[in-house]
Amino acid sequence: MYYSMSRLSILDVRWADLLDTQKNVSFYRDHYNPYYELIVVAEGTVNLRAGDERMTLCMGDSYLLKPWESHGGWGNDGTNGKFFWVQFSCSPGMNEFILNRAPDLNIVHAERTELRTVEVSHEDLLIIPRLYRNRHRYKLLDLFEQLLETMKRPEGYFRFQATLLLAEMFRGIATDFLEQSHLDTAFPISYITFRKLVNQLNNSYESELTKQILERWMDRKYEYLCQVFKKYAGTTINHYIQQLRVQRAKHLLRNTDKSVKTIAMEVGYQEPFYFSRLFKKIEGVSPQHYREQDAAPGKRTVK
């Protein structure tokens, strides 16, 4: 079984400890808690029961429990083992993920949200196996030891530090799973070119950006750059430049008393009339009307 967790999920560590199964007989009773719980075996072997499932975990093995899931030990036969556990909340929550129904799973993927004019955020999924044998178990155990020390000696931003350590554990588990599953995690060269092009446009949109200038910057033919940009952005290079300029103009209209003519020149347009027409085409209102609609009470506007 696998779980998917959004990269944007908010993690919050609640409790953490190290449990010795030989010294803590209460481990063999049913346990329930309202949080997710990650278990990693530190020493020996641990006989763990989760719901109706029974398993024997070895050092470095990890297991992820859902909120309110019944769990405990089984076969109290003197088997010696110790395991770290951490209880944490996760919002939005994790979802069950069936890997064999997605043979072409594109965990690492390109999004239009690279564009500065798009407000939607990435929501890449991390795939977390419920039961996993980690190849880098010592690194995982070291992170858990740091987490435990952080929680035992609360000071400063200890909750923030604990959350960072937990996130690093999940990053390690998810990355190791990807590598062992031989899933394709490489970005195509065209996507790398797209990101480089977007970065150039974001930093130079107010300048004159001719075909020749873009070709020299990117060391690629302009026709190819147009194809790549359209593929990943869903729009044209010229339209994106216009959006960037209008985005900057909106900020200046809201937050300064600069004239429309001055703003037009600042964002790359020598003709204020052309700038106003373009602004209205994109925003539906003229620059002056936009400023008057958005002006704070008492703010002086320029006619």
Protein backbone atom coordinates (compact mmCIF):
# COMPACT_ATOMS: atom_id res chain seq x y z
CA MET A 1 0.00 0.00 0.00
CA TYR A 2 1.14 3.53 -0.74
CA TYR A 3 0.11 7.02 0.32
CA SER A 4 0.33 10.23 -1.66
CA MET A 5 1.15 13.47 0.12
CA SER A 6 1.00 16.89 -1.49
CA ARG A 7 4.21 18.89 -1.49
CA LEU A 8 2.06 21.70 -0.08
CA SER A 9 0.80 19.68 2.90
CA ILE A 10 1.34 21.28 6.30
CA LEU A 11 3.12 18.92 8.70
CA ASP A 12 3.07 19.47 12.45
CA VAL A 13 4.94 17.17 14.85
CA ARG A 14 2.94 16.46 18.02
CA TRP A 15 4.78 13.75 19.97
CA ALA A 16 7.85 11.57 19.47
CA ASP A 17 9.68 8.94 21.51
CA LEU A 18 11.76 5.76 21.49
CA LEU A 19 10.00 2.58 22.68
CA ASP A 20 11.65 -0.60 23.95
CA THR A 21 9.29 -3.50 23.26
CA GLN A 22 10.90 -5.65 25.97
CA LYS A 23 10.48 -3.06 28.72
CA ASN A 24 7.11 -1.64 27.69
CA VAL A 25 4.47 -4.36 27.92
CA SER A 26 1.72 -1.84 27.11
CA PHE A 27 2.99 -1.98 23.51
CA TYR A 28 1.11 -5.27 23.09
CA ARG A 29 -2.26 -3.68 23.85
CA ASP A 30 -4.41 -1.90 21.26
CA HIS A 31 -3.42 1.71 20.66
CA TYR A 32 -5.29 4.51 18.91
CA ASN A 33 -4.37 8.14 18.33
CA PRO A 34 -5.88 10.98 16.28
CA TYR A 35 -2.69 11.62 14.29
CA TYR A 36 -0.59 9.98 11.63
CA GLU A 37 2.28 7.99 13.09
CA LEU A 38 5.60 7.08 11.51
CA ILE A 39 7.49 4.17 13.05
CA VAL A 40 11.14 3.34 12.29
CA VAL A 41 12.87 0.37 13.93
CA ALA A 42 16.08 1.44 15.71
CA GLU A 43 17.34 -1.91 17.02
CA GLY A 44 16.53 -5.60 16.68
CA THR A 45 13.16 -6.69 15.36
CA VAL A 46 9.65 -5.50 16.17
CA ASN A 47 6.47 -7.55 15.80
CA LEU A 48 3.91 -4.94 14.79
CA ARG A 49 0.18 -5.35 14.29
CA ALA A 50 -1.82 -2.78 12.33
CA GLY A 51 -5.50 -3.62 12.05
CA ASP A 52 -5.63 -7.27 10.95
CA GLU A 53 -2.13 -7.20 9.47
CA ARG A 54 0.85 -8.64 11.30
CA MET A 55 4.45 -8.12 10.32
CA THR A 56 7.99 -8.32 11.66
CA LEU A 57 10.03 -5.17 11.10
CA CYS A 58 13.82 -5.07 11.08
CA MET A 59 16.24 -2.23 11.80
CA GLY A 60 15.62 0.71 9.47
CA ASP A 61 12.19 -0.46 8.35
CA SER A 62 9.52 2.23 8.41
CA TYR A 63 5.76 1.91 8.78
CA LEU A 64 3.12 4.62 8.42
CA LEU A 65 -0.09 4.46 10.46
CA LYS A 66 -3.27 6.39 9.69
CA PRO A 67 -5.13 8.46 12.30
CA TRP A 68 -7.18 6.33 14.72
CA GLU A 69 -5.79 3.12 13.23
CA SER A 70 -5.66 0.25 15.73
CA HIS A 71 -2.11 -0.97 16.27
CA GLY A 72 0.13 -2.67 18.80
CA GLY A 73 2.51 -5.60 19.20
CA TRP A 74 1.95 -9.32 18.80
CA GLY A 75 3.67 -12.55 19.91
CA ASN A 76 5.23 -11.35 23.15
CA ASP A 77 7.91 -14.04 23.00
CA GLY A 78 10.81 -12.07 24.36
CA THR A 79 11.84 -10.63 20.99
CA ASN A 80 13.98 -7.58 21.68
CA GLY A 81 13.45 -4.48 19.61
CA LYS A 82 13.35 -0.71 19.85
CA PHE A 83 11.60 1.70 17.53
CA PHE A 84 11.26 5.44 17.10
CA TRP A 85 7.77 6.84 16.64
CA VAL A 86 6.47 10.27 15.82
CA GLN A 87 2.86 11.40 15.76
CA PHE A 88 2.04 14.29 13.45
CA SER A 89 -0.83 16.03 11.71
CA CYS A 90 -0.89 16.50 7.95
CA SER A 91 -3.15 18.98 6.14
CA PRO A 92 -4.39 18.23 3.57
CA GLY A 93 -4.28 14.59 4.56
CA MET A 94 -2.63 11.71 2.78
CA ASN A 95 -4.57 9.60 0.30
CA GLU A 96 -4.21 5.95 -0.53
CA PHE A 97 -2.36 5.52 -3.81
CA ILE A 98 -2.56 2.45 -6.06
CA LEU A 99 0.68 2.38 -8.00
CA ASN A 100 -0.16 -0.43 -10.45
CA ARG A 101 -3.06 1.58 -11.84
CA ALA A 102 -0.70 4.30 -12.96
CA PRO A 103 2.10 2.63 -14.96
CA ASP A 104 2.91 5.94 -16.62
CA LEU A 105 2.91 7.84 -13.33
CA ASN A 106 4.59 11.17 -13.88
CA ILE A 107 5.60 12.06 -10.34
CA VAL A 108 8.08 14.65 -11.55
CA HIS A 109 6.19 16.82 -13.99
CA ALA A 110 6.08 20.22 -15.62
CA GLU A 111 3.47 22.79 -14.67
CA ARG A 112 2.38 26.15 -16.02
CA THR A 113 2.80 27.55 -12.54
CA GLU A 114 6.38 28.52 -13.39
CA LEU A 115 4.80 31.56 -15.00
CA ARG A 116 4.87 34.60 -12.75
CA THR A 117 1.41 35.61 -13.94
CA VAL A 118 -0.20 32.34 -12.76
CA GLU A 119 -1.29 32.28 -9.12
CA VAL A 120 -2.04 28.55 -8.77
CA SER A 121 0.68 26.67 -6.89
CA HIS A 122 2.39 23.38 -7.67
CA GLU A 123 0.96 20.35 -5.94
CA ASP A 124 3.48 17.65 -6.75
CA LEU A 125 2.78 14.36 -4.99
CA LEU A 126 5.25 12.52 -2.80
CA ILE A 127 4.61 8.78 -2.82
CA ILE A 128 5.15 7.26 0.64
CA PRO A 129 5.08 3.44 0.98
CA ARG A 130 3.18 2.28 4.06
CA LEU A 131 5.84 -0.35 4.78
CA TYR A 132 9.32 0.31 3.48
CA ARG A 133 12.83 -1.10 3.83
CA ASN A 134 15.08 1.92 3.51
CA ARG A 135 18.49 1.62 1.86
CA HIS A 136 19.73 4.71 3.70
CA ARG A 137 18.52 3.51 7.08
CA TYR A 138 21.36 5.04 9.09
CA LYS A 139 20.64 8.50 7.77
CA LEU A 140 16.96 8.01 8.58
CA LEU A 141 17.78 6.87 12.11
CA ASP A 142 20.10 9.84 12.60
CA LEU A 143 17.30 12.22 11.61
CA PHE A 144 14.96 10.49 14.07
CA GLU A 145 17.50 10.86 16.87
CA GLN A 146 17.77 14.58 16.10
CA LEU A 147 13.97 14.85 16.12
CA LEU A 148 13.74 13.13 19.48
CA GLU A 149 16.39 15.38 21.02
CA THR A 150 14.60 18.44 19.63
CA MET A 151 11.29 17.39 21.20
CA LYS A 152 12.86 16.41 24.53
CA ARG A 153 14.60 19.78 24.95
CA PRO A 154 12.05 22.32 23.70
CA GLU A 155 13.58 25.72 23.13
CA GLY A 156 13.41 28.43 20.53
CA TYR A 157 11.78 27.28 17.30
CA PHE A 158 11.82 23.62 18.31
CA ARG A 159 8.47 22.83 16.66
CA PHE A 160 9.65 24.30 13.37
CA GLN A 161 12.92 22.35 13.62
CA ALA A 162 11.02 19.13 14.38
CA THR A 163 8.78 19.63 11.35
CA LEU A 164 11.80 20.20 9.09
CA LEU A 165 13.37 16.96 10.34
CA LEU A 166 10.15 15.01 9.69
CA ALA A 167 9.88 16.51 6.21
CA GLU A 168 13.47 15.46 5.51
CA MET A 169 12.59 11.90 6.56
CA PHE A 170 9.69 11.80 4.12
CA ARG A 171 11.88 13.29 1.39
CA GLY A 172 14.43 10.53 1.94
CA ILE A 173 11.82 7.74 1.98
CA ALA A 174 10.01 9.08 -1.09
CA THR A 175 13.25 9.64 -3.04
CA ASP A 176 14.62 6.20 -2.18
CA PHE A 177 11.31 4.65 -3.25
CA LEU A 178 11.49 6.44 -6.62
CA GLU A 179 15.03 5.22 -7.19
CA GLN A 180 14.24 1.62 -6.29
CA SER A 181 11.05 1.65 -8.36
CA HIS A 182 12.93 2.79 -11.48
CA LEU A 183 10.31 5.43 -12.20
CA ASP A 184 11.33 8.10 -14.67
CA THR A 185 12.17 11.20 -12.66
CA ALA A 186 14.10 13.10 -15.31
CA PHE A 187 12.81 16.27 -16.91
CA PRO A 188 13.03 16.49 -20.70
CA ILE A 189 15.63 18.88 -22.13
CA SER A 190 12.83 20.99 -23.61
CA TYR A 191 11.46 21.65 -20.12
CA ILE A 192 14.87 22.81 -18.90
CA THR A 193 14.99 25.18 -21.88
CA PHE A 194 11.49 26.42 -21.02
CA ARG A 195 12.47 27.22 -17.42
CA LYS A 196 15.59 29.04 -18.57
CA LEU A 197 13.54 31.06 -21.05
CA VAL A 198 10.89 31.95 -18.45
CA ASN A 199 13.62 33.12 -16.08
CA GLN A 200 15.08 35.36 -18.78
CA LEU A 201 11.67 36.85 -19.59
CA ASN A 202 10.87 37.41 -15.92
CA ASN A 203 14.06 39.41 -15.46
CA SER A 204 14.05 41.38 -18.73
CA TYR A 205 10.41 41.85 -19.75
CA GLU A 206 10.60 45.67 -19.61
CA SER A 207 13.45 45.67 -22.16
CA GLU A 208 13.21 45.28 -25.91
CA LEU A 209 13.08 41.53 -26.53
CA THR A 210 13.61 40.87 -30.21
CA LYS A 211 13.90 37.52 -31.94
CA GLN A 212 17.66 38.02 -32.28
CA ILE A 213 18.12 38.87 -28.58
CA LEU A 214 16.24 35.76 -27.43
CA GLU A 215 18.20 33.55 -29.82
CA ARG A 216 21.48 34.94 -28.51
CA TRP A 217 20.45 34.49 -24.86
CA MET A 218 19.17 30.95 -25.30
CA ASP A 219 21.46 29.72 -28.07
CA ARG A 220 18.38 28.26 -29.76
CA LYS A 221 16.37 29.15 -32.84
CA TYR A 222 13.43 31.46 -32.14
CA GLU A 223 10.98 29.03 -33.78
CA TYR A 224 12.06 26.27 -31.40
CA LEU A 225 11.74 28.59 -28.39
CA CYS A 226 8.21 29.50 -29.48
CA GLN A 227 7.25 25.83 -29.75
CA VAL A 228 8.70 24.94 -26.35
CA PHE A 229 7.09 27.92 -24.64
CA LYS A 230 3.70 27.18 -26.16
CA LYS A 231 3.96 23.52 -25.14
CA TYR A 232 4.58 24.20 -21.45
CA ALA A 233 2.98 27.62 -20.93
CA GLY A 234 -0.08 27.25 -23.15
CA THR A 235 0.46 30.76 -24.46
CA THR A 236 2.92 32.68 -26.65
CA ILE A 237 6.12 34.42 -25.66
CA ASN A 238 4.76 37.80 -26.73
CA HIS A 239 1.54 37.39 -24.78
CA TYR A 240 3.47 36.41 -21.66
CA ILE A 241 5.68 39.49 -21.98
CA GLN A 242 2.53 41.62 -22.26
CA GLN A 243 1.10 39.95 -19.14
CA LEU A 244 4.31 40.63 -17.21
CA ARG A 245 4.28 44.28 -18.20
CA VAL A 246 0.63 44.73 -17.28
CA GLN A 247 1.22 42.91 -13.99
CA ARG A 248 3.97 45.41 -13.12
CA ALA A 249 1.83 48.32 -14.31
CA LYS A 250 -1.02 47.24 -12.02
CA HIS A 251 1.34 47.32 -9.05
CA LEU A 252 2.54 50.82 -9.96
CA LEU A 253 -1.03 52.06 -10.50
CA ARG A 254 -2.07 50.75 -7.08
CA ASN A 255 0.94 51.84 -5.09
CA THR A 256 2.38 54.99 -6.69
CA ASP A 257 1.23 58.36 -8.01
CA LYS A 258 3.19 57.99 -11.24
CA SER A 259 1.35 59.07 -14.38
CA VAL A 260 0.07 56.52 -16.87
CA LYS A 261 2.63 57.81 -19.39
CA THR A 262 5.51 57.30 -16.94
CA ILE A 263 4.29 53.82 -16.04
CA ALA A 264 3.93 52.88 -19.69
CA MET A 265 7.56 53.82 -20.36
CA GLU A 266 8.76 52.09 -17.20
CA VAL A 267 7.24 48.76 -18.22
CA GLY A 268 8.53 48.94 -21.79
CA TYR A 269 6.06 50.95 -23.90
CA GLN A 270 7.06 54.23 -25.49
CA GLU A 271 3.49 54.97 -26.65
CA PRO A 272 1.06 55.55 -23.75
CA PHE A 273 -1.93 55.16 -26.07
CA TYR A 274 -0.80 51.70 -27.20
CA PHE A 275 -0.11 50.74 -23.58
CA SER A 276 -3.62 51.84 -22.53
CA ARG A 277 -5.23 49.83 -25.34
CA LEU A 278 -3.23 46.73 -24.39
CA PHE A 279 -3.99 47.19 -20.69
CA LYS A 280 -7.72 47.43 -21.39
CA LYS A 281 -7.59 44.37 -23.64
CA ILE A 282 -6.05 42.28 -20.86
CA GLU A 283 -7.76 43.77 -17.78
CA GLY A 284 -11.06 44.93 -19.27
CA VAL A 285 -10.62 48.51 -18.01
CA SER A 286 -8.28 51.39 -18.83
CA PRO A 287 -5.24 52.05 -16.58
CA GLN A 288 -6.85 55.18 -15.15
CA HIS A 289 -10.12 53.40 -14.44
CA TYR A 290 -8.22 50.54 -12.82
CA ARG A 291 -6.41 53.00 -10.56
CA GLU A 292 -9.64 54.74 -9.55
CA GLN A 293 -11.37 51.44 -8.79
CA ASP A 294 -8.48 50.17 -6.71
CA ALA A 295 -7.47 53.42 -5.01
CA ALA A 296 -7.46 53.29 -1.22
CA PRO A 297 -9.60 55.88 0.61
CA GLY A 298 -7.84 59.25 0.59
CA LYS A 299 -5.15 58.16 -1.90
CA ARG A 300 -4.38 60.86 -4.45
CA THR A 301 -4.50 59.72 -8.06
CA VAL A 302 -2.91 61.34 -11.07
CA LYS A 303 -5.15 62.59 -13.89
